[in-house]
Amino acid sequence: MDNINQYCEIVKKVIAYYAQFKPSHGDIRLDTVFDDRDRRYALMQTGWDRGRRIRGNLIYVTIRDEKVWIEYDGIEAGISDDLVALGIPEDRIVFAFLHDISQTAS
């Protein structure tokens, strides 16, 4: 269970890192959403750009089955390298946004 708590802290650290960047255009706010009870973590964008409403996830990660599931990754370079650099083993990361049955947890 200690690994799971460590994974949660690493995911929050990575999301908080990306939350500090201001989008290059528009009036867009970045909000972190950390749900430790259900182990769901997100970086949300909300605001206006060129007269259009902007809202949605930039990052959405869940932790279950002792793995880190990247449900959505809207960061240009992706967050998996950040997660690995901070201590999450590659074999504990699942790219849930890819349709590949071999990546599902057993």
Protein backbone atom coordinates (compact mmCIF):
# COMPACT_ATOMS: atom_id res chain seq x y z
CA MET A 1 0.00 0.00 0.00
CA ASP A 2 2.94 2.34 0.54
CA ASN A 3 3.65 2.24 -3.19
CA ILE A 4 0.08 3.35 -3.92
CA ASN A 5 0.39 6.34 -1.59
CA GLN A 6 3.74 7.19 -3.17
CA TYR A 7 2.17 6.97 -6.65
CA CYS A 8 -0.60 9.36 -5.55
CA GLU A 9 1.93 11.90 -4.30
CA ILE A 10 3.99 11.65 -7.49
CA VAL A 11 0.92 12.11 -9.71
CA LYS A 12 -0.14 15.18 -7.69
CA LYS A 13 3.37 16.61 -7.95
CA VAL A 14 3.40 16.22 -11.75
CA ILE A 15 -0.07 17.74 -12.15
CA ALA A 16 0.82 20.65 -9.84
CA TYR A 17 3.93 21.27 -11.96
CA TYR A 18 1.89 21.62 -15.16
CA ALA A 19 -0.75 23.72 -13.37
CA GLN A 20 1.72 26.54 -12.85
CA PHE A 21 1.97 27.32 -16.59
CA LYS A 22 -0.31 29.99 -18.05
CA PRO A 23 -1.82 29.08 -21.43
CA SER A 24 -0.24 31.12 -24.23
CA HIS A 25 -3.53 32.72 -25.31
CA GLY A 26 -7.04 33.27 -24.04
CA ASP A 27 -8.30 33.89 -20.55
CA ILE A 28 -7.93 30.32 -19.32
CA ARG A 29 -7.55 29.14 -15.74
CA LEU A 30 -5.87 25.84 -14.84
CA ASP A 31 -7.33 24.00 -11.83
CA THR A 32 -5.97 20.93 -10.08
CA VAL A 33 -8.51 18.37 -8.90
CA PHE A 34 -7.14 15.89 -6.36
CA ASP A 35 -9.51 13.18 -5.08
CA ASP A 36 -7.45 11.10 -2.65
CA ARG A 37 -10.40 8.98 -1.52
CA ASP A 38 -11.09 7.58 -5.00
CA ARG A 39 -7.53 8.19 -6.28
CA ARG A 40 -8.53 10.37 -9.21
CA TYR A 41 -6.40 13.32 -10.25
CA ALA A 42 -6.93 15.92 -12.95
CA LEU A 43 -5.72 19.17 -14.41
CA MET A 44 -8.71 21.09 -15.76
CA GLN A 45 -8.80 24.10 -18.05
CA THR A 46 -11.65 26.58 -17.88
CA GLY A 47 -12.14 29.96 -19.52
CA TRP A 48 -12.50 31.77 -22.81
CA ASP A 49 -10.39 31.95 -25.96
CA ARG A 50 -11.31 33.89 -29.12
CA GLY A 51 -14.95 34.11 -28.07
CA ARG A 52 -15.27 30.38 -27.39
CA ARG A 53 -15.73 28.64 -24.07
CA ILE A 54 -12.82 26.39 -23.15
CA ARG A 55 -13.33 23.61 -20.62
CA GLY A 56 -12.08 20.11 -20.07
CA ASN A 57 -9.22 17.95 -18.94
CA LEU A 58 -5.59 18.48 -19.79
CA ILE A 59 -4.59 15.54 -17.61
CA TYR A 60 -6.72 12.83 -16.02
CA VAL A 61 -5.12 10.00 -14.02
CA THR A 62 -6.64 7.26 -11.87
CA ILE A 63 -4.84 4.85 -9.60
CA ARG A 64 -6.29 1.36 -9.33
CA ASP A 65 -5.17 -2.24 -9.36
CA GLU A 66 -1.79 -1.01 -8.04
CA LYS A 67 -1.19 0.83 -11.32
CA VAL A 68 -1.26 4.41 -12.55
CA TRP A 69 -3.80 4.71 -15.35
CA ILE A 70 -3.28 7.73 -17.60
CA GLU A 71 -6.86 8.20 -18.78
CA TYR A 72 -6.14 11.40 -20.72
CA ASP A 73 -2.89 13.24 -21.41
CA GLY A 74 -3.18 16.55 -23.24
CA ILE A 75 0.37 17.66 -22.45
CA GLU A 76 2.50 18.01 -25.60
CA ALA A 77 5.37 15.78 -24.44
CA GLY A 78 3.16 13.58 -22.26
CA ILE A 79 3.48 12.99 -18.53
CA SER A 80 4.72 9.38 -18.45
CA ASP A 81 8.41 10.37 -18.52
CA ASP A 82 7.78 12.71 -15.59
CA LEU A 83 6.10 9.93 -13.62
CA VAL A 84 8.96 7.53 -14.30
CA ALA A 85 11.60 10.16 -13.43
CA LEU A 86 9.94 10.64 -10.04
CA GLY A 87 9.88 6.93 -9.23
CA ILE A 88 6.89 5.16 -10.77
CA PRO A 89 8.10 2.03 -12.60
CA GLU A 90 7.20 1.90 -16.29
CA ASP A 91 5.40 -1.42 -15.81
CA ARG A 92 3.03 0.28 -13.32
CA ILE A 93 1.84 2.85 -15.89
CA VAL A 94 -1.11 2.06 -18.16
CA PHE A 95 -1.96 4.25 -21.15
CA ALA A 96 -5.72 3.85 -20.77
CA PHE A 97 -6.43 6.24 -23.66
CA LEU A 98 -4.90 3.74 -26.09
CA HIS A 99 -7.17 0.97 -27.32
CA ASP A 100 -4.85 -1.94 -26.62
CA ILE A 101 -6.27 -4.88 -24.71
CA SER A 102 -2.77 -6.02 -23.70
CA GLN A 103 -2.42 -2.99 -21.41
CA THR A 104 -5.42 -3.75 -19.22
CA ALA A 105 -4.75 -4.94 -15.71
CA SER A 106 -5.53 -8.51 -14.85
